[in-house]
């Protein structure tokens, strides 16, 4: 199996998903409003399949979503990473922050760390973030990270999404 790297930032640890991480992910996917921008809602069975497919994605592509953990309390507060399933035009940098952890800069800190690692270690020279129209918080984060709106496209699984292009590695 692929060894999933650990990334440490000032406040966070990005690490491999483990079975105990499923419950907060299932809770996220069960919330129709919160998970709508990530292909939800999903029932527990579908959420489990997403969770397991992410682990398999690491093996197949060499990258995927990390679990985001607070360094001080060990609380699981979301996921971030690079996703490139069959049928998508290119690798995507994505993020999810769980309820009660939003508004603390966690998404920015984690996604910036994931993007930097992807550029340095996964051989990626460009990344996009695909964002559902109306997801103003994700648009704001993408723009804060230097990403710019590039186009709208039809995602094979999610429908209409806005593509935000991240700066190239040499521009960071």
N, C-alpha and C. Protein backbone atom coordinates (compact mmCIF):
# COMPACT_ATOMS: atom_id res chain seq x y z
N UNK A 1 0.82 -1.18 0.00
CA UNK A 1 0.00 0.00 0.00
C UNK A 1 0.87 1.25 0.00
N UNK A 2 0.34 2.29 -0.61
CA UNK A 2 1.00 3.58 -0.62
C UNK A 2 1.09 4.14 0.79
N UNK A 3 2.22 4.68 1.15
CA UNK A 3 2.35 5.37 2.42
C UNK A 3 1.85 6.79 2.22
N UNK A 4 0.83 7.16 2.97
CA UNK A 4 0.26 8.50 2.86
C UNK A 4 1.10 9.43 3.73
N UNK A 5 1.64 10.48 3.12
CA UNK A 5 2.52 11.37 3.88
C UNK A 5 1.75 12.15 4.95
N UNK A 6 2.47 12.54 5.97
CA UNK A 6 1.93 13.39 7.03
C UNK A 6 2.47 14.80 6.81
N UNK A 7 1.57 15.76 6.84
CA UNK A 7 1.97 17.17 6.71
C UNK A 7 1.60 17.88 8.01
N UNK A 8 2.54 18.61 8.56
CA UNK A 8 2.28 19.37 9.78
C UNK A 8 2.40 20.84 9.49
N UNK A 9 1.42 21.60 9.96
CA UNK A 9 1.45 23.05 9.88
C UNK A 9 1.48 23.58 11.30
N UNK A 10 1.39 24.88 11.44
CA UNK A 10 1.43 25.47 12.78
C UNK A 10 0.34 24.90 13.70
N UNK A 11 -0.87 24.74 13.17
CA UNK A 11 -2.00 24.31 14.00
C UNK A 11 -2.57 22.95 13.65
N UNK A 12 -2.14 22.38 12.52
CA UNK A 12 -2.83 21.22 11.98
C UNK A 12 -1.89 20.07 11.65
N UNK A 13 -2.47 18.88 11.58
CA UNK A 13 -1.81 17.71 11.03
C UNK A 13 -2.70 17.18 9.93
N UNK A 14 -2.14 17.02 8.74
CA UNK A 14 -2.83 16.36 7.64
C UNK A 14 -2.27 14.95 7.59
N UNK A 15 -3.16 13.97 7.75
CA UNK A 15 -2.71 12.59 7.89
C UNK A 15 -3.62 11.65 7.13
N UNK A 16 -3.20 10.39 7.07
CA UNK A 16 -3.99 9.35 6.41
C UNK A 16 -5.33 9.18 7.13
N UNK A 17 -6.38 8.89 6.36
CA UNK A 17 -7.65 8.59 7.00
C UNK A 17 -7.59 7.23 7.71
N UNK A 18 -8.23 7.16 8.86
CA UNK A 18 -8.36 5.91 9.61
C UNK A 18 -9.84 5.69 9.89
N UNK A 19 -10.19 4.48 10.27
CA UNK A 19 -11.60 4.12 10.42
C UNK A 19 -12.38 5.07 11.33
N UNK A 20 -11.76 5.55 12.40
CA UNK A 20 -12.45 6.47 13.32
C UNK A 20 -12.80 7.80 12.67
N UNK A 21 -12.20 8.11 11.53
CA UNK A 21 -12.51 9.35 10.82
C UNK A 21 -13.82 9.26 10.04
N UNK A 22 -14.37 8.05 9.94
CA UNK A 22 -15.59 7.89 9.14
C UNK A 22 -16.78 8.62 9.75
N UNK A 23 -16.96 8.56 11.04
CA UNK A 23 -18.16 9.14 11.67
C UNK A 23 -18.33 10.63 11.37
N UNK A 24 -17.29 11.45 11.55
CA UNK A 24 -17.49 12.87 11.20
C UNK A 24 -17.74 13.07 9.70
N UNK A 25 -17.14 12.23 8.87
CA UNK A 25 -17.38 12.34 7.43
C UNK A 25 -18.83 11.96 7.11
N UNK A 26 -19.33 10.89 7.72
CA UNK A 26 -20.72 10.47 7.50
C UNK A 26 -21.68 11.55 7.97
N UNK A 27 -21.38 12.18 9.10
CA UNK A 27 -22.21 13.28 9.60
C UNK A 27 -22.22 14.43 8.60
N UNK A 28 -21.06 14.77 8.06
CA UNK A 28 -20.97 15.82 7.04
C UNK A 28 -21.83 15.46 5.83
N UNK A 29 -21.66 14.26 5.29
CA UNK A 29 -22.39 13.87 4.09
C UNK A 29 -23.90 13.75 4.34
N UNK A 30 -24.33 13.50 5.56
CA UNK A 30 -25.76 13.41 5.87
C UNK A 30 -26.43 14.77 5.88
N UNK A 31 -25.67 15.83 6.04
CA UNK A 31 -26.20 17.19 6.08
C UNK A 31 -26.35 17.71 4.66
N UNK A 32 -27.57 17.78 4.19
CA UNK A 32 -27.83 18.16 2.80
C UNK A 32 -27.24 19.52 2.45
N UNK A 33 -27.42 20.49 3.31
CA UNK A 33 -26.93 21.84 3.03
C UNK A 33 -25.41 21.89 3.01
N UNK A 34 -24.77 21.30 4.01
CA UNK A 34 -23.31 21.38 4.12
C UNK A 34 -22.61 20.56 3.04
N UNK A 35 -23.18 19.40 2.66
CA UNK A 35 -22.49 18.52 1.73
C UNK A 35 -22.85 18.76 0.26
N UNK A 36 -23.78 19.67 0.01
CA UNK A 36 -24.23 19.90 -1.37
C UNK A 36 -23.07 20.26 -2.30
N UNK A 37 -22.10 21.00 -1.82
CA UNK A 37 -20.96 21.40 -2.64
C UNK A 37 -19.91 20.31 -2.80
N UNK A 38 -20.20 19.14 -2.26
CA UNK A 38 -19.24 18.04 -2.32
C UNK A 38 -19.91 16.77 -2.83
N UNK A 39 -21.04 16.95 -3.53
CA UNK A 39 -21.72 15.82 -4.12
C UNK A 39 -22.74 15.15 -3.22
N UNK A 40 -23.00 15.73 -2.03
CA UNK A 40 -23.96 15.15 -1.11
C UNK A 40 -25.36 15.67 -1.34
N UNK A 41 -26.29 15.22 -0.53
CA UNK A 41 -26.06 14.35 0.62
C UNK A 41 -25.86 12.90 0.20
N UNK A 42 -25.20 12.16 1.09
CA UNK A 42 -25.00 10.73 0.91
C UNK A 42 -25.46 10.01 2.18
N UNK A 43 -26.11 8.85 2.00
CA UNK A 43 -26.44 8.05 3.17
C UNK A 43 -25.16 7.39 3.68
N UNK A 44 -25.26 6.70 4.83
CA UNK A 44 -24.06 6.11 5.44
C UNK A 44 -23.36 5.14 4.50
N UNK A 45 -24.11 4.33 3.78
CA UNK A 45 -23.53 3.37 2.86
C UNK A 45 -22.75 4.10 1.76
N UNK A 46 -23.34 5.13 1.18
CA UNK A 46 -22.66 5.89 0.12
C UNK A 46 -21.46 6.65 0.69
N UNK A 47 -21.60 7.19 1.90
CA UNK A 47 -20.49 7.90 2.54
C UNK A 47 -19.32 6.94 2.80
N UNK A 48 -19.65 5.71 3.24
CA UNK A 48 -18.60 4.70 3.46
C UNK A 48 -17.87 4.41 2.15
N UNK A 49 -18.63 4.28 1.09
CA UNK A 49 -18.02 3.99 -0.21
C UNK A 49 -17.12 5.16 -0.65
N UNK A 50 -17.54 6.40 -0.40
CA UNK A 50 -16.69 7.54 -0.72
C UNK A 50 -15.42 7.47 0.12
N UNK A 51 -15.58 7.21 1.42
CA UNK A 51 -14.45 7.12 2.35
C UNK A 51 -13.45 6.07 1.88
N UNK A 52 -13.94 4.88 1.56
CA UNK A 52 -13.08 3.80 1.10
C UNK A 52 -12.46 4.11 -0.26
N UNK A 53 -13.22 4.75 -1.14
CA UNK A 53 -12.67 5.08 -2.46
C UNK A 53 -11.54 6.10 -2.34
N UNK A 54 -11.62 7.00 -1.36
CA UNK A 54 -10.53 7.94 -1.15
C UNK A 54 -9.25 7.21 -0.78
N UNK A 55 -9.36 6.20 0.08
CA UNK A 55 -8.18 5.43 0.45
C UNK A 55 -7.64 4.70 -0.79
N UNK A 56 -8.51 4.14 -1.59
CA UNK A 56 -8.09 3.50 -2.84
C UNK A 56 -7.50 4.49 -3.82
N UNK A 57 -8.01 5.72 -3.81
CA UNK A 57 -7.48 6.76 -4.69
C UNK A 57 -6.01 7.02 -4.41
N UNK A 58 -5.63 6.99 -3.13
CA UNK A 58 -4.22 7.14 -2.77
C UNK A 58 -3.39 6.05 -3.44
N UNK A 59 -3.88 4.83 -3.43
CA UNK A 59 -3.14 3.73 -4.02
C UNK A 59 -3.05 3.86 -5.54
N UNK A 60 -4.16 4.23 -6.18
CA UNK A 60 -4.20 4.30 -7.63
C UNK A 60 -3.48 5.52 -8.20
N UNK A 61 -3.64 6.66 -7.58
CA UNK A 61 -3.08 7.91 -8.11
C UNK A 61 -1.84 8.40 -7.35
N UNK A 62 -1.65 7.92 -6.14
CA UNK A 62 -0.53 8.40 -5.33
C UNK A 62 -0.85 9.64 -4.54
N UNK A 63 -2.10 10.06 -4.57
CA UNK A 63 -2.57 11.20 -3.78
C UNK A 63 -4.06 11.06 -3.56
N UNK A 64 -4.58 11.88 -2.66
CA UNK A 64 -5.99 11.84 -2.30
C UNK A 64 -6.28 12.86 -1.23
N UNK A 65 -7.29 12.62 -0.43
CA UNK A 65 -7.67 13.53 0.66
C UNK A 65 -7.07 13.07 1.97
N UNK A 66 -6.45 14.02 2.66
CA UNK A 66 -5.97 13.81 4.02
C UNK A 66 -7.10 14.13 5.00
N UNK A 67 -7.03 13.54 6.17
CA UNK A 67 -7.84 13.97 7.30
C UNK A 67 -7.12 15.15 7.93
N UNK A 68 -7.88 16.20 8.26
CA UNK A 68 -7.32 17.37 8.93
C UNK A 68 -7.59 17.22 10.43
N UNK A 69 -6.53 17.29 11.20
CA UNK A 69 -6.63 17.13 12.65
C UNK A 69 -6.00 18.34 13.33
N UNK A 70 -6.65 18.85 14.35
CA UNK A 70 -6.04 19.92 15.15
C UNK A 70 -4.88 19.33 15.96
N UNK A 71 -3.78 20.03 15.95
CA UNK A 71 -2.58 19.53 16.66
C UNK A 71 -2.80 19.49 18.16
N UNK A 72 -3.42 20.52 18.73
CA UNK A 72 -3.51 20.62 20.18
C UNK A 72 -4.52 19.66 20.79
N UNK A 73 -5.69 19.52 20.17
CA UNK A 73 -6.76 18.69 20.76
C UNK A 73 -6.93 17.34 20.07
N UNK A 74 -6.36 17.19 18.89
CA UNK A 74 -6.54 15.95 18.15
C UNK A 74 -7.92 15.83 17.51
N UNK A 75 -8.66 16.92 17.49
CA UNK A 75 -10.00 16.90 16.91
C UNK A 75 -9.92 16.81 15.39
N UNK A 76 -10.75 15.96 14.81
CA UNK A 76 -10.85 15.84 13.35
C UNK A 76 -11.77 16.95 12.87
N UNK A 77 -11.24 17.81 12.01
CA UNK A 77 -12.02 18.99 11.63
C UNK A 77 -12.30 19.09 10.14
N UNK A 78 -11.91 18.12 9.33
CA UNK A 78 -12.25 18.16 7.92
C UNK A 78 -11.31 17.29 7.10
N UNK A 79 -11.36 17.53 5.79
CA UNK A 79 -10.49 16.83 4.84
C UNK A 79 -10.01 17.83 3.80
N UNK A 80 -8.86 17.56 3.24
CA UNK A 80 -8.35 18.35 2.12
C UNK A 80 -7.40 17.47 1.33
N UNK A 81 -7.26 17.79 0.06
CA UNK A 81 -6.33 17.03 -0.76
C UNK A 81 -6.62 17.16 -2.23
N UNK A 82 -6.05 16.24 -2.98
CA UNK A 82 -6.14 16.27 -4.44
C UNK A 82 -6.92 15.04 -4.88
N UNK A 83 -7.88 15.26 -5.76
CA UNK A 83 -8.83 14.24 -6.20
C UNK A 83 -8.85 14.25 -7.72
N UNK A 84 -8.77 13.09 -8.32
CA UNK A 84 -8.78 12.99 -9.78
C UNK A 84 -9.46 11.70 -10.20
N UNK A 85 -10.77 11.61 -9.98
CA UNK A 85 -11.46 10.38 -10.36
C UNK A 85 -11.65 10.26 -11.87
N UNK A 86 -11.97 9.07 -12.29
CA UNK A 86 -12.25 8.79 -13.70
C UNK A 86 -13.30 9.78 -14.23
N UNK A 87 -13.03 10.30 -15.41
CA UNK A 87 -13.97 11.20 -16.08
C UNK A 87 -13.76 12.67 -15.80
N UNK A 88 -12.89 13.00 -14.85
CA UNK A 88 -12.63 14.42 -14.55
C UNK A 88 -11.50 14.89 -15.45
N UNK A 89 -11.49 16.17 -15.82
CA UNK A 89 -10.50 16.65 -16.78
C UNK A 89 -9.08 16.78 -16.22
N UNK A 90 -8.95 16.89 -14.89
CA UNK A 90 -7.63 17.11 -14.30
C UNK A 90 -7.73 16.95 -12.79
N UNK A 91 -6.59 16.89 -12.09
CA UNK A 91 -6.62 16.83 -10.63
C UNK A 91 -7.22 18.11 -10.04
N UNK A 92 -7.97 17.91 -8.97
CA UNK A 92 -8.62 19.03 -8.29
C UNK A 92 -8.17 19.10 -6.85
N UNK A 93 -7.88 20.30 -6.38
CA UNK A 93 -7.62 20.55 -4.97
C UNK A 93 -8.95 20.86 -4.30
N UNK A 94 -9.29 20.08 -3.28
CA UNK A 94 -10.56 20.28 -2.60
C UNK A 94 -10.40 20.34 -1.10
N UNK A 95 -11.46 20.77 -0.44
CA UNK A 95 -11.46 20.89 1.02
C UNK A 95 -12.89 20.80 1.53
N UNK A 96 -13.01 20.30 2.75
CA UNK A 96 -14.25 20.28 3.50
C UNK A 96 -13.88 20.55 4.95
N UNK A 97 -14.58 21.49 5.56
CA UNK A 97 -14.40 21.74 6.99
C UNK A 97 -15.70 21.38 7.68
N UNK A 98 -15.62 20.59 8.73
CA UNK A 98 -16.81 20.11 9.42
C UNK A 98 -17.43 21.22 10.27
N UNK A 99 -18.71 21.01 10.61
CA UNK A 99 -19.45 21.96 11.44
C UNK A 99 -18.65 22.24 12.72
N UNK A 100 -18.74 23.44 13.19
CA UNK A 100 -18.08 23.92 14.41
C UNK A 100 -16.58 24.20 14.22
N UNK A 101 -16.05 24.00 13.02
CA UNK A 101 -14.64 24.30 12.77
C UNK A 101 -14.47 25.40 11.72
N UNK A 102 -15.55 25.85 11.13
CA UNK A 102 -15.47 26.88 10.09
C UNK A 102 -15.14 28.24 10.70
N UNK A 103 -14.60 29.12 9.86
CA UNK A 103 -14.32 30.48 10.28
C UNK A 103 -13.08 30.63 11.14
N UNK A 104 -12.23 29.63 11.18
CA UNK A 104 -11.02 29.67 12.00
C UNK A 104 -9.74 29.63 11.17
N UNK A 105 -9.87 29.71 9.86
CA UNK A 105 -8.71 29.67 8.98
C UNK A 105 -8.17 28.27 8.74
N UNK A 106 -8.88 27.26 9.20
CA UNK A 106 -8.40 25.88 9.05
C UNK A 106 -8.36 25.46 7.59
N UNK A 107 -9.41 25.79 6.84
CA UNK A 107 -9.45 25.40 5.42
C UNK A 107 -8.29 26.00 4.66
N UNK A 108 -8.02 27.27 4.88
CA UNK A 108 -6.92 27.93 4.18
C UNK A 108 -5.58 27.30 4.56
N UNK A 109 -5.33 27.13 5.84
CA UNK A 109 -4.06 26.57 6.29
C UNK A 109 -3.85 25.16 5.73
N UNK A 110 -4.90 24.35 5.77
CA UNK A 110 -4.80 22.97 5.30
C UNK A 110 -4.66 22.90 3.79
N UNK A 111 -5.48 23.65 3.06
CA UNK A 111 -5.46 23.59 1.59
C UNK A 111 -4.15 24.16 1.03
N UNK A 112 -3.62 25.20 1.63
CA UNK A 112 -2.33 25.75 1.19
C UNK A 112 -1.23 24.69 1.39
N UNK A 113 -1.26 24.01 2.54
CA UNK A 113 -0.27 22.97 2.80
C UNK A 113 -0.42 21.81 1.82
N UNK A 114 -1.65 21.40 1.56
CA UNK A 114 -1.89 20.30 0.62
C UNK A 114 -1.43 20.68 -0.79
N UNK A 115 -1.74 21.90 -1.22
CA UNK A 115 -1.33 22.35 -2.55
C UNK A 115 0.19 22.38 -2.67
N UNK A 116 0.86 22.92 -1.68
CA UNK A 116 2.32 22.97 -1.71
C UNK A 116 2.93 21.58 -1.77
N UNK A 117 2.38 20.66 -0.99
CA UNK A 117 2.89 19.29 -1.01
C UNK A 117 2.64 18.65 -2.37
N UNK A 118 1.46 18.88 -2.93
CA UNK A 118 1.13 18.30 -4.25
C UNK A 118 2.10 18.80 -5.31
N UNK A 119 2.42 20.07 -5.27
CA UNK A 119 3.36 20.61 -6.26
C UNK A 119 4.77 20.07 -6.05
N UNK A 120 5.19 19.96 -4.80
CA UNK A 120 6.57 19.52 -4.52
C UNK A 120 6.77 18.02 -4.66
N UNK A 121 5.74 17.21 -4.37
CA UNK A 121 5.96 15.77 -4.25
C UNK A 121 5.13 14.89 -5.18
N UNK A 122 4.07 15.43 -5.78
CA UNK A 122 3.22 14.59 -6.63
C UNK A 122 3.42 14.85 -8.11
N UNK A 123 4.37 15.72 -8.45
CA UNK A 123 4.65 15.98 -9.86
C UNK A 123 3.59 16.81 -10.57
N UNK A 124 2.72 17.47 -9.81
CA UNK A 124 1.67 18.28 -10.43
C UNK A 124 2.20 19.69 -10.70
N UNK A 125 1.87 20.22 -11.86
CA UNK A 125 2.34 21.56 -12.23
C UNK A 125 1.19 22.55 -12.31
N UNK A 126 -0.03 22.07 -12.14
CA UNK A 126 -1.20 22.94 -12.09
C UNK A 126 -2.28 22.23 -11.29
N UNK A 127 -3.14 23.02 -10.69
CA UNK A 127 -4.29 22.49 -9.96
C UNK A 127 -5.47 23.41 -10.16
N UNK A 128 -6.64 22.83 -10.14
CA UNK A 128 -7.87 23.61 -10.15
C UNK A 128 -8.67 23.24 -8.92
N UNK A 129 -9.64 24.07 -8.60
CA UNK A 129 -10.66 23.74 -7.61
C UNK A 129 -11.99 23.92 -8.30
N UNK A 130 -12.81 22.88 -8.26
CA UNK A 130 -14.13 22.90 -8.90
C UNK A 130 -15.16 23.22 -7.83
N UNK A 131 -15.88 24.32 -8.03
CA UNK A 131 -16.76 24.84 -6.99
C UNK A 131 -18.17 24.99 -7.54
N UNK A 132 -19.14 24.53 -6.77
CA UNK A 132 -20.53 24.67 -7.19
C UNK A 132 -20.93 26.15 -7.21
N UNK A 133 -21.66 26.58 -8.23
CA UNK A 133 -22.17 27.95 -8.25
C UNK A 133 -22.95 28.24 -6.95
N UNK A 134 -22.70 29.39 -6.37
CA UNK A 134 -23.36 29.77 -5.13
C UNK A 134 -22.59 29.43 -3.87
N UNK A 135 -21.50 28.66 -3.97
CA UNK A 135 -20.70 28.32 -2.80
C UNK A 135 -19.69 29.44 -2.57
N UNK A 136 -20.19 30.53 -2.03
CA UNK A 136 -19.39 31.75 -1.88
C UNK A 136 -18.21 31.57 -0.93
N UNK A 137 -18.35 30.71 0.07
CA UNK A 137 -17.24 30.51 1.01
C UNK A 137 -16.07 29.82 0.32
N UNK A 138 -16.35 28.83 -0.52
CA UNK A 138 -15.26 28.15 -1.24
C UNK A 138 -14.65 29.06 -2.30
N UNK A 139 -15.48 29.86 -2.96
CA UNK A 139 -14.95 30.82 -3.92
C UNK A 139 -14.01 31.79 -3.21
N UNK A 140 -14.43 32.30 -2.06
CA UNK A 140 -13.60 33.24 -1.31
C UNK A 140 -12.27 32.60 -0.91
N UNK A 141 -12.32 31.34 -0.47
CA UNK A 141 -11.08 30.67 -0.09
C UNK A 141 -10.18 30.47 -1.30
N UNK A 142 -10.74 30.00 -2.40
CA UNK A 142 -9.93 29.80 -3.61
C UNK A 142 -9.26 31.12 -4.02
N UNK A 143 -10.01 32.20 -4.00
CA UNK A 143 -9.44 33.50 -4.37
C UNK A 143 -8.39 33.96 -3.36
N UNK A 144 -8.61 33.70 -2.07
CA UNK A 144 -7.62 34.06 -1.05
C UNK A 144 -6.31 33.29 -1.29
N UNK A 145 -6.44 32.09 -1.86
CA UNK A 145 -5.26 31.27 -2.17
C UNK A 145 -4.61 31.67 -3.50
N UNK A 146 -5.18 32.67 -4.17
CA UNK A 146 -4.61 33.14 -5.44
C UNK A 146 -5.22 32.51 -6.67
N UNK A 147 -6.22 31.64 -6.50
CA UNK A 147 -6.87 31.01 -7.65
C UNK A 147 -7.80 32.02 -8.34
N UNK A 148 -7.93 31.88 -9.64
CA UNK A 148 -8.80 32.78 -10.41
C UNK A 148 -9.80 31.96 -11.21
N UNK A 149 -10.99 32.54 -11.38
CA UNK A 149 -12.02 31.87 -12.16
C UNK A 149 -11.52 31.68 -13.58
N UNK A 150 -11.67 30.47 -14.09
CA UNK A 150 -11.21 30.15 -15.44
C UNK A 150 -12.37 29.85 -16.38
N UNK A 151 -13.32 29.03 -15.91
CA UNK A 151 -14.43 28.64 -16.78
C UNK A 151 -15.48 27.90 -15.98
N UNK A 152 -16.59 27.65 -16.63
CA UNK A 152 -17.64 26.79 -16.09
C UNK A 152 -17.63 25.51 -16.91
N UNK A 153 -17.83 24.38 -16.25
CA UNK A 153 -17.87 23.12 -17.00
C UNK A 153 -18.88 22.19 -16.37
N UNK A 154 -19.21 21.13 -17.10
CA UNK A 154 -20.15 20.13 -16.63
C UNK A 154 -19.37 18.92 -16.10
N UNK A 155 -19.34 18.79 -14.79
CA UNK A 155 -18.68 17.66 -14.14
C UNK A 155 -19.54 16.42 -14.36
N UNK A 156 -18.90 15.30 -14.68
CA UNK A 156 -19.64 14.08 -15.02
C UNK A 156 -20.47 13.54 -13.86
N UNK A 157 -20.11 13.87 -12.63
CA UNK A 157 -20.88 13.39 -11.49
C UNK A 157 -21.65 14.49 -10.77
N UNK A 158 -21.19 15.72 -10.83
CA UNK A 158 -21.79 16.79 -10.02
C UNK A 158 -22.56 17.84 -10.81
N UNK A 159 -22.47 17.81 -12.12
CA UNK A 159 -23.15 18.84 -12.91
C UNK A 159 -22.30 20.09 -13.05
N UNK A 160 -22.94 21.24 -13.13
CA UNK A 160 -22.26 22.50 -13.39
C UNK A 160 -21.36 22.91 -12.23
N UNK A 161 -20.10 23.18 -12.56
CA UNK A 161 -19.14 23.66 -11.57
C UNK A 161 -18.30 24.79 -12.16
N UNK A 162 -17.81 25.62 -11.27
CA UNK A 162 -16.90 26.70 -11.64
C UNK A 162 -15.48 26.22 -11.42
N UNK A 163 -14.63 26.40 -12.40
CA UNK A 163 -13.23 25.99 -12.28
C UNK A 163 -12.41 27.20 -11.88
N UNK A 164 -11.72 27.10 -10.75
CA UNK A 164 -10.79 28.13 -10.30
C UNK A 164 -9.39 27.56 -10.44
N UNK A 165 -8.52 28.28 -11.17
CA UNK A 165 -7.15 27.85 -11.45
C UNK A 165 -6.22 28.40 -10.38
N UNK A 166 -5.45 27.52 -9.77
CA UNK A 166 -4.48 27.93 -8.76
C UNK A 166 -3.19 28.39 -9.43
N UNK A 167 -2.45 29.25 -8.76
CA UNK A 167 -1.16 29.66 -9.31
C UNK A 167 -0.24 28.46 -9.51
N UNK A 168 0.59 28.54 -10.52
CA UNK A 168 1.58 27.49 -10.77
C UNK A 168 2.60 27.48 -9.64
N UNK A 169 3.30 26.38 -9.45
CA UNK A 169 4.26 26.28 -8.35
C UNK A 169 5.27 27.43 -8.34
N UNK A 170 5.77 27.78 -9.51
CA UNK A 170 6.80 28.84 -9.56
C UNK A 170 6.26 30.22 -9.21
N UNK A 171 4.93 30.37 -9.20
CA UNK A 171 4.32 31.67 -8.87
C UNK A 171 4.04 31.81 -7.38
N UNK A 172 4.25 30.75 -6.63
CA UNK A 172 3.96 30.81 -5.19
C UNK A 172 5.16 31.24 -4.38
